[in-house]
All heavy atoms as atom14 arrays in JSON, in Angstrom:
{
  "sequence": "LILARSLLEQSLHLQELAAAGQERVALVLDWYNRSLSEK",
  "atom14_mask": [
    [1, 1, 1, 1, 1, 1, 1, 1, 0, 0, 0, 0, 0, 0],
    [1, 1, 1, 1, 1, 1, 1, 1, 0, 0, 0, 0, 0, 0],
    [1, 1, 1, 1, 1, 1, 1, 1, 0, 0, 0, 0, 0, 0],
    [1, 1, 1, 1, 1, 0, 0, 0, 0, 0, 0, 0, 0, 0],
    [1, 1, 1, 1, 1, 1, 1, 1, 1, 1, 1, 0, 0, 0],
    [1, 1, 1, 1, 1, 1, 0, 0, 0, 0, 0, 0, 0, 0],
    [1, 1, 1, 1, 1, 1, 1, 1, 0, 0, 0, 0, 0, 0],
    [1, 1, 1, 1, 1, 1, 1, 1, 0, 0, 0, 0, 0, 0],
    [1, 1, 1, 1, 1, 1, 1, 1, 1, 0, 0, 0, 0, 0],
    [1, 1, 1, 1, 1, 1, 1, 1, 1, 0, 0, 0, 0, 0],
    [1, 1, 1, 1, 1, 1, 0, 0, 0, 0, 0, 0, 0, 0],
    [1, 1, 1, 1, 1, 1, 1, 1, 0, 0, 0, 0, 0, 0],
    [1, 1, 1, 1, 1, 1, 1, 1, 1, 1, 0, 0, 0, 0],
    [1, 1, 1, 1, 1, 1, 1, 1, 0, 0, 0, 0, 0, 0],
    [1, 1, 1, 1, 1, 1, 1, 1, 1, 0, 0, 0, 0, 0],
    [1, 1, 1, 1, 1, 1, 1, 1, 1, 0, 0, 0, 0, 0],
    [1, 1, 1, 1, 1, 1, 1, 1, 0, 0, 0, 0, 0, 0],
    [1, 1, 1, 1, 1, 0, 0, 0, 0, 0, 0, 0, 0, 0],
    [1, 1, 1, 1, 1, 0, 0, 0, 0, 0, 0, 0, 0, 0],
    [1, 1, 1, 1, 1, 0, 0, 0, 0, 0, 0, 0, 0, 0],
    [1, 1, 1, 1, 0, 0, 0, 0, 0, 0, 0, 0, 0, 0],
    [1, 1, 1, 1, 1, 1, 1, 1, 1, 0, 0, 0, 0, 0],
    [1, 1, 1, 1, 1, 1, 1, 1, 1, 0, 0, 0, 0, 0],
    [1, 1, 1, 1, 1, 1, 1, 1, 1, 1, 1, 0, 0, 0],
    [1, 1, 1, 1, 1, 1, 1, 0, 0, 0, 0, 0, 0, 0],
    [1, 1, 1, 1, 1, 0, 0, 0, 0, 0, 0, 0, 0, 0],
    [1, 1, 1, 1, 1, 1, 1, 1, 0, 0, 0, 0, 0, 0],
    [1, 1, 1, 1, 1, 1, 1, 0, 0, 0, 0, 0, 0, 0],
    [1, 1, 1, 1, 1, 1, 1, 1, 0, 0, 0, 0, 0, 0],
    [1, 1, 1, 1, 1, 1, 1, 1, 0, 0, 0, 0, 0, 0],
    [1, 1, 1, 1, 1, 1, 1, 1, 1, 1, 1, 1, 1, 1],
    [1, 1, 1, 1, 1, 1, 1, 1, 1, 1, 1, 1, 0, 0],
    [1, 1, 1, 1, 1, 1, 1, 1, 0, 0, 0, 0, 0, 0],
    [1, 1, 1, 1, 1, 1, 1, 1, 1, 1, 1, 0, 0, 0],
    [1, 1, 1, 1, 1, 1, 0, 0, 0, 0, 0, 0, 0, 0],
    [1, 1, 1, 1, 1, 1, 1, 1, 0, 0, 0, 0, 0, 0],
    [1, 1, 1, 1, 1, 1, 0, 0, 0, 0, 0, 0, 0, 0],
    [1, 1, 1, 1, 1, 1, 1, 1, 1, 0, 0, 0, 0, 0],
    [1, 1, 1, 1, 1, 1, 1, 1, 1, 0, 0, 0, 0, 0]
  ],
  "atom14_positions": [
    [[122.27, 83.21, 105.53], [120.88, 82.85, 105.26], [119.93, 83.97, 105.67], [118.9, 84.2, 105.02], [120.52, 81.56, 105.99], [119.09, 81.03, 105.77], [118.85, 80.72, 104.3], [118.85, 79.77, 106.62], [0.0, 0.0, 0.0], [0.0, 0.0, 0.0], [0.0, 0.0, 0.0], [0.0, 0.0, 0.0], [0.0, 0.0, 0.0], [0.0, 0.0, 0.0]],
    [[120.27, 84.68, 106.73], [119.44, 85.81, 107.16], [119.39, 86.87, 106.06], [118.31, 87.39, 105.72], [120.0, 86.42, 108.47], [119.9, 85.41, 109.61], [119.27, 87.71, 108.82], [120.61, 85.85, 110.88], [0.0, 0.0, 0.0], [0.0, 0.0, 0.0], [0.0, 0.0, 0.0], [0.0, 0.0, 0.0], [0.0, 0.0, 0.0], [0.0, 0.0, 0.0]],
    [[120.55, 87.17, 105.47], [120.56, 88.15, 104.38], [119.88, 87.59, 103.13], [119.24, 88.34, 102.38], [122.0, 88.55, 104.05], [122.78, 89.3, 105.13], [124.08, 89.83, 104.55], [121.96, 90.42, 105.73], [0.0, 0.0, 0.0], [0.0, 0.0, 0.0], [0.0, 0.0, 0.0], [0.0, 0.0, 0.0], [0.0, 0.0, 0.0], [0.0, 0.0, 0.0]],
    [[120.0, 86.29, 102.9], [119.34, 85.68, 101.74], [117.83, 85.79, 101.86], [117.12, 85.94, 100.86], [119.75, 84.21, 101.61], [0.0, 0.0, 0.0], [0.0, 0.0, 0.0], [0.0, 0.0, 0.0], [0.0, 0.0, 0.0], [0.0, 0.0, 0.0], [0.0, 0.0, 0.0], [0.0, 0.0, 0.0], [0.0, 0.0, 0.0], [0.0, 0.0, 0.0]],
    [[117.33, 85.73, 103.09], [115.9, 85.89, 103.31], [115.46, 87.31, 102.94], [114.43, 87.52, 102.31], [115.57, 85.59, 104.77], [114.06, 85.55, 105.04], [113.66, 86.78, 105.85], [112.27, 86.7, 106.25], [111.3, 87.39, 105.66], [111.56, 88.2, 104.67], [110.04, 87.26, 106.07], [0.0, 0.0, 0.0], [0.0, 0.0, 0.0], [0.0, 0.0, 0.0]],
    [[116.28, 88.32, 103.31], [115.97, 89.7, 102.93], [116.04, 89.88, 101.42], [115.21, 90.59, 100.82], [116.96, 90.66, 103.61], [116.76, 90.68, 105.0], [0.0, 0.0, 0.0], [0.0, 0.0, 0.0], [0.0, 0.0, 0.0], [0.0, 0.0, 0.0], [0.0, 0.0, 0.0], [0.0, 0.0, 0.0], [0.0, 0.0, 0.0], [0.0, 0.0, 0.0]],
    [[117.0, 89.24, 100.79], [117.14, 89.32, 99.34], [115.94, 88.68, 98.65], [115.45, 89.18, 97.63], [118.45, 88.64, 98.91], [118.76, 88.58, 97.42], [118.63, 89.93, 96.75], [120.16, 88.01, 97.21], [0.0, 0.0, 0.0], [0.0, 0.0, 0.0], [0.0, 0.0, 0.0], [0.0, 0.0, 0.0], [0.0, 0.0, 0.0], [0.0, 0.0, 0.0]],
    [[115.45, 87.58, 99.18], [114.26, 86.94, 98.64], [113.07, 87.9, 98.67], [112.35, 88.07, 97.67], [113.93, 85.67, 99.44], [112.57, 85.02, 99.18], [112.46, 84.53, 97.75], [112.32, 83.88, 100.15], [0.0, 0.0, 0.0], [0.0, 0.0, 0.0], [0.0, 0.0, 0.0], [0.0, 0.0, 0.0], [0.0, 0.0, 0.0], [0.0, 0.0, 0.0]],
    [[112.85, 88.54, 99.82], [111.73, 89.48, 99.94], [111.88, 90.64, 98.96], [110.91, 91.03, 98.3], [111.66, 90.01, 101.37], [110.49, 90.95, 101.6], [110.3, 91.3, 103.08], [111.06, 90.78, 103.93], [109.4, 92.12, 103.36], [0.0, 0.0, 0.0], [0.0, 0.0, 0.0], [0.0, 0.0, 0.0], [0.0, 0.0, 0.0], [0.0, 0.0, 0.0]],
    [[113.09, 91.17, 98.84], [113.31, 92.27, 97.91], [113.03, 91.84, 96.47], [112.43, 92.58, 95.68], [114.75, 92.77, 98.03], [115.0, 94.1, 97.31], [114.33, 95.26, 98.01], [114.88, 95.85, 98.91], [113.12, 95.6, 97.6], [0.0, 0.0, 0.0], [0.0, 0.0, 0.0], [0.0, 0.0, 0.0], [0.0, 0.0, 0.0], [0.0, 0.0, 0.0]],
    [[113.45, 90.64, 96.11], [113.25, 90.17, 94.74], [111.78, 89.96, 94.43], [111.32, 90.22, 93.31], [114.05, 88.89, 94.49], [113.53, 87.81, 95.24], [0.0, 0.0, 0.0], [0.0, 0.0, 0.0], [0.0, 0.0, 0.0], [0.0, 0.0, 0.0], [0.0, 0.0, 0.0], [0.0, 0.0, 0.0], [0.0, 0.0, 0.0], [0.0, 0.0, 0.0]],
    [[111.0, 89.49, 95.42], [109.56, 89.33, 95.21], [108.89, 90.68, 94.98], [107.99, 90.8, 94.14], [108.93, 88.6, 96.4], [109.21, 87.09, 96.48], [108.77, 86.54, 97.83], [108.5, 86.36, 95.34], [0.0, 0.0, 0.0], [0.0, 0.0, 0.0], [0.0, 0.0, 0.0], [0.0, 0.0, 0.0], [0.0, 0.0, 0.0], [0.0, 0.0, 0.0]],
    [[109.3, 91.68, 95.73], [108.76, 93.03, 95.5], [109.08, 93.49, 94.09], [108.21, 94.06, 93.39], [109.35, 94.02, 96.51], [108.85, 93.85, 97.91], [107.65, 93.24, 98.21], [109.38, 94.22, 99.1], [107.46, 93.24, 99.52], [108.5, 93.83, 100.08], [0.0, 0.0, 0.0], [0.0, 0.0, 0.0], [0.0, 0.0, 0.0], [0.0, 0.0, 0.0]],
    [[110.31, 93.28, 93.64], [110.69, 93.72, 92.29], [109.92, 92.95, 91.22], [109.5, 93.55, 90.21], [112.2, 93.53, 92.1], [113.08, 94.56, 92.83], [114.53, 94.1, 92.85], [112.96, 95.93, 92.18], [0.0, 0.0, 0.0], [0.0, 0.0, 0.0], [0.0, 0.0, 0.0], [0.0, 0.0, 0.0], [0.0, 0.0, 0.0], [0.0, 0.0, 0.0]],
    [[109.7, 91.67, 91.44], [108.9, 90.9, 90.47], [107.48, 91.44, 90.39], [106.91, 91.55, 89.3], [108.89, 89.43, 90.86], [110.17, 88.68, 90.53], [110.03, 87.19, 90.77], [110.09, 86.73, 91.89], [109.82, 86.44, 89.69], [0.0, 0.0, 0.0], [0.0, 0.0, 0.0], [0.0, 0.0, 0.0], [0.0, 0.0, 0.0], [0.0, 0.0, 0.0]],
    [[106.9, 91.75, 91.55], [105.54, 92.28, 91.55], [105.49, 93.63, 90.84], [104.57, 93.9, 90.05], [105.02, 92.41, 92.97], [103.58, 92.91, 93.03], [102.99, 92.99, 94.43], [103.68, 92.56, 95.38], [101.87, 93.48, 94.56], [0.0, 0.0, 0.0], [0.0, 0.0, 0.0], [0.0, 0.0, 0.0], [0.0, 0.0, 0.0], [0.0, 0.0, 0.0]],
    [[106.47, 94.48, 91.09], [106.5, 95.79, 90.44], [106.68, 95.66, 88.93], [106.07, 96.4, 88.16], [107.62, 96.64, 91.04], [107.43, 97.07, 92.5], [108.69, 97.71, 93.04], [106.23, 98.01, 92.64], [0.0, 0.0, 0.0], [0.0, 0.0, 0.0], [0.0, 0.0, 0.0], [0.0, 0.0, 0.0], [0.0, 0.0, 0.0], [0.0, 0.0, 0.0]],
    [[107.48, 94.7, 88.51], [107.7, 94.49, 87.07], [106.43, 94.01, 86.39], [106.19, 94.33, 85.22], [108.83, 93.5, 86.86], [0.0, 0.0, 0.0], [0.0, 0.0, 0.0], [0.0, 0.0, 0.0], [0.0, 0.0, 0.0], [0.0, 0.0, 0.0], [0.0, 0.0, 0.0], [0.0, 0.0, 0.0], [0.0, 0.0, 0.0], [0.0, 0.0, 0.0]],
    [[105.62, 93.26, 87.11], [104.39, 92.72, 86.53], [103.21, 93.68, 86.63], [102.14, 93.41, 86.07], [104.04, 91.4, 87.23], [0.0, 0.0, 0.0], [0.0, 0.0, 0.0], [0.0, 0.0, 0.0], [0.0, 0.0, 0.0], [0.0, 0.0, 0.0], [0.0, 0.0, 0.0], [0.0, 0.0, 0.0], [0.0, 0.0, 0.0], [0.0, 0.0, 0.0]],
    [[103.39, 94.79, 87.35], [102.26, 95.66, 87.66], [101.88, 96.63, 86.54], [100.8, 97.22, 86.57], [102.56, 96.47, 88.93], [0.0, 0.0, 0.0], [0.0, 0.0, 0.0], [0.0, 0.0, 0.0], [0.0, 0.0, 0.0], [0.0, 0.0, 0.0], [0.0, 0.0, 0.0], [0.0, 0.0, 0.0], [0.0, 0.0, 0.0], [0.0, 0.0, 0.0]],
    [[102.77, 96.82, 85.57], [102.45, 97.75, 84.49], [102.23, 99.15, 85.0], [103.02, 99.68, 85.8], [0.0, 0.0, 0.0], [0.0, 0.0, 0.0], [0.0, 0.0, 0.0], [0.0, 0.0, 0.0], [0.0, 0.0, 0.0], [0.0, 0.0, 0.0], [0.0, 0.0, 0.0], [0.0, 0.0, 0.0], [0.0, 0.0, 0.0], [0.0, 0.0, 0.0]],
    [[101.13, 99.77, 84.58], [100.86, 101.15, 84.96], [100.52, 101.31, 86.44], [100.53, 102.43, 86.96], [99.7, 101.69, 84.11], [100.05, 101.81, 82.63], [98.91, 102.4, 81.82], [97.76, 102.45, 82.28], [99.22, 102.83, 80.6], [0.0, 0.0, 0.0], [0.0, 0.0, 0.0], [0.0, 0.0, 0.0], [0.0, 0.0, 0.0], [0.0, 0.0, 0.0]],
    [[100.23, 100.21, 87.11], [99.92, 100.28, 88.54], [101.19, 100.35, 89.41], [101.1, 100.47, 90.63], [99.1, 99.06, 88.96], [97.73, 98.97, 88.3], [96.85, 100.13, 88.72], [96.9, 100.53, 89.9], [96.11, 100.66, 87.87], [0.0, 0.0, 0.0], [0.0, 0.0, 0.0], [0.0, 0.0, 0.0], [0.0, 0.0, 0.0], [0.0, 0.0, 0.0]],
    [[102.36, 100.27, 88.79], [103.61, 100.25, 89.54], [103.76, 101.51, 90.4], [104.2, 101.43, 91.55], [104.8, 100.12, 88.59], [106.13, 100.04, 89.32], [107.27, 99.68, 88.39], [107.64, 100.74, 87.48], [107.44, 100.68, 86.16], [106.87, 99.63, 85.62], [107.81, 101.69, 85.38], [0.0, 0.0, 0.0], [0.0, 0.0, 0.0], [0.0, 0.0, 0.0]],
    [[103.39, 102.65, 89.86], [103.56, 103.9, 90.61], [102.74, 103.88, 91.88], [103.22, 104.28, 92.96], [103.17, 105.1, 89.72], [103.22, 106.39, 90.54], [104.12, 105.22, 88.53], [0.0, 0.0, 0.0], [0.0, 0.0, 0.0], [0.0, 0.0, 0.0], [0.0, 0.0, 0.0], [0.0, 0.0, 0.0], [0.0, 0.0, 0.0], [0.0, 0.0, 0.0]],
    [[101.49, 103.42, 91.81], [100.64, 103.36, 93.0], [101.23, 102.43, 94.05], [101.13, 102.69, 95.25], [99.23, 102.93, 92.62], [0.0, 0.0, 0.0], [0.0, 0.0, 0.0], [0.0, 0.0, 0.0], [0.0, 0.0, 0.0], [0.0, 0.0, 0.0], [0.0, 0.0, 0.0], [0.0, 0.0, 0.0], [0.0, 0.0, 0.0], [0.0, 0.0, 0.0]],
    [[101.85, 101.35, 93.62], [102.49, 100.41, 94.54], [103.71, 101.04, 95.21], [103.9, 100.92, 96.43], [102.9, 99.14, 93.8], [101.78, 98.18, 93.39], [102.31, 97.15, 92.4], [101.2, 97.47, 94.61], [0.0, 0.0, 0.0], [0.0, 0.0, 0.0], [0.0, 0.0, 0.0], [0.0, 0.0, 0.0], [0.0, 0.0, 0.0], [0.0, 0.0, 0.0]],
    [[104.53, 101.7, 94.41], [105.75, 102.29, 94.95], [105.42, 103.43, 95.92], [106.04, 103.56, 96.98], [106.67, 102.8, 93.82], [107.87, 103.54, 94.39], [107.15, 101.63, 92.97], [0.0, 0.0, 0.0], [0.0, 0.0, 0.0], [0.0, 0.0, 0.0], [0.0, 0.0, 0.0], [0.0, 0.0, 0.0], [0.0, 0.0, 0.0], [0.0, 0.0, 0.0]],
    [[104.45, 104.26, 95.55], [104.1, 105.37, 96.43], [103.51, 104.88, 97.75], [103.73, 105.49, 98.81], [103.13, 106.32, 95.73], [103.71, 107.13, 94.56], [102.64, 108.02, 93.94], [104.92, 107.95, 94.99], [0.0, 0.0, 0.0], [0.0, 0.0, 0.0], [0.0, 0.0, 0.0], [0.0, 0.0, 0.0], [0.0, 0.0, 0.0], [0.0, 0.0, 0.0]],
    [[102.77, 103.79, 97.71], [102.27, 103.22, 98.95], [103.41, 102.68, 99.8], [103.44, 102.88, 101.02], [101.26, 102.1, 98.66], [100.67, 101.53, 99.95], [99.78, 102.17, 100.52], [101.12, 100.44, 100.38], [0.0, 0.0, 0.0], [0.0, 0.0, 0.0], [0.0, 0.0, 0.0], [0.0, 0.0, 0.0], [0.0, 0.0, 0.0], [0.0, 0.0, 0.0]],
    [[104.37, 102.02, 99.15], [105.56, 101.53, 99.86], [106.3, 102.7, 100.51], [106.72, 102.62, 101.67], [106.48, 100.81, 98.87], [107.86, 100.55, 99.39], [108.28, 99.49, 100.13], [109.0, 101.42, 99.22], [109.62, 99.62, 100.44], [110.08, 100.79, 99.9], [109.21, 102.62, 98.57], [111.36, 101.36, 99.93], [110.48, 103.19, 98.6], [111.53, 102.55, 99.28]],
    [[106.43, 103.8, 99.78], [107.1, 104.99, 100.3], [106.33, 105.57, 101.5], [106.91, 105.9, 102.53], [107.22, 106.02, 99.18], [107.89, 107.32, 99.54], [108.9, 107.38, 100.5], [107.53, 108.51, 98.88], [109.53, 108.58, 100.8], [108.15, 109.71, 99.18], [109.14, 109.74, 100.14], [109.75, 110.93, 100.44], [0.0, 0.0, 0.0], [0.0, 0.0, 0.0]],
    [[105.02, 105.64, 101.36], [104.19, 106.18, 102.43], [104.3, 105.34, 103.7], [104.41, 105.87, 104.81], [102.73, 106.24, 101.97], [101.85, 106.99, 102.94], [102.16, 108.09, 103.37], [100.73, 106.38, 103.31], [0.0, 0.0, 0.0], [0.0, 0.0, 0.0], [0.0, 0.0, 0.0], [0.0, 0.0, 0.0], [0.0, 0.0, 0.0], [0.0, 0.0, 0.0]],
    [[104.3, 104.03, 103.54], [104.43, 103.14, 104.71], [105.84, 103.24, 105.31], [106.01, 103.14, 106.53], [104.11, 101.7, 104.31], [102.65, 101.5, 103.96], [102.34, 100.08, 103.52], [100.95, 99.98, 103.1], [99.93, 99.82, 103.94], [100.17, 99.71, 105.24], [98.69, 99.76, 103.5], [0.0, 0.0, 0.0], [0.0, 0.0, 0.0], [0.0, 0.0, 0.0]],
    [[106.83, 103.45, 104.46], [108.19, 103.64, 104.97], [108.28, 104.91, 105.81], [108.96, 104.94, 106.84], [109.18, 103.73, 103.8], [109.21, 102.53, 103.06], [0.0, 0.0, 0.0], [0.0, 0.0, 0.0], [0.0, 0.0, 0.0], [0.0, 0.0, 0.0], [0.0, 0.0, 0.0], [0.0, 0.0, 0.0], [0.0, 0.0, 0.0], [0.0, 0.0, 0.0]],
    [[107.56, 105.94, 105.38], [107.55, 107.18, 106.15], [106.88, 106.98, 107.51], [107.3, 107.59, 108.51], [106.82, 108.28, 105.37], [107.54, 108.81, 104.13], [106.67, 109.84, 103.4], [108.9, 109.41, 104.48], [0.0, 0.0, 0.0], [0.0, 0.0, 0.0], [0.0, 0.0, 0.0], [0.0, 0.0, 0.0], [0.0, 0.0, 0.0], [0.0, 0.0, 0.0]],
    [[105.87, 106.11, 107.55], [105.23, 105.81, 108.84], [106.22, 105.15, 109.79], [106.25, 105.45, 110.99], [104.02, 104.9, 108.62], [103.01, 105.57, 107.9], [0.0, 0.0, 0.0], [0.0, 0.0, 0.0], [0.0, 0.0, 0.0], [0.0, 0.0, 0.0], [0.0, 0.0, 0.0], [0.0, 0.0, 0.0], [0.0, 0.0, 0.0], [0.0, 0.0, 0.0]],
    [[107.04, 104.25, 109.25], [108.06, 103.6, 110.07], [109.09, 104.63, 110.55], [109.53, 104.6, 111.71], [108.76, 102.49, 109.28], [107.85, 101.34, 108.88], [107.32, 100.59, 110.09], [108.03, 100.52, 111.11], [106.18, 100.08, 110.01], [0.0, 0.0, 0.0], [0.0, 0.0, 0.0], [0.0, 0.0, 0.0], [0.0, 0.0, 0.0], [0.0, 0.0, 0.0]],
    [[109.48, 105.52, 109.66], [110.44, 106.57, 110.03], [109.86, 107.47, 111.13], [110.56, 107.82, 112.09], [110.79, 107.41, 108.8], [111.89, 108.43, 109.04], [112.07, 109.34, 107.83], [112.66, 108.62, 106.66], [112.96, 109.55, 105.52], [0.0, 0.0, 0.0], [0.0, 0.0, 0.0], [0.0, 0.0, 0.0], [0.0, 0.0, 0.0], [0.0, 0.0, 0.0]]
  ]
}
C-alpha cells in the first residue's frame, strides 16, 4: 500500500502533464528545478 500511494501520486502528475498541453514544459522544468533543490 505504501508503494501504491507513491504510484497514485506519480499517476496524478502524469495526468496533469497530459492535460497541460503547451504548458507541460514549464511544469516539468519547475519539477526538475525543485528536484535540484532537494538534491
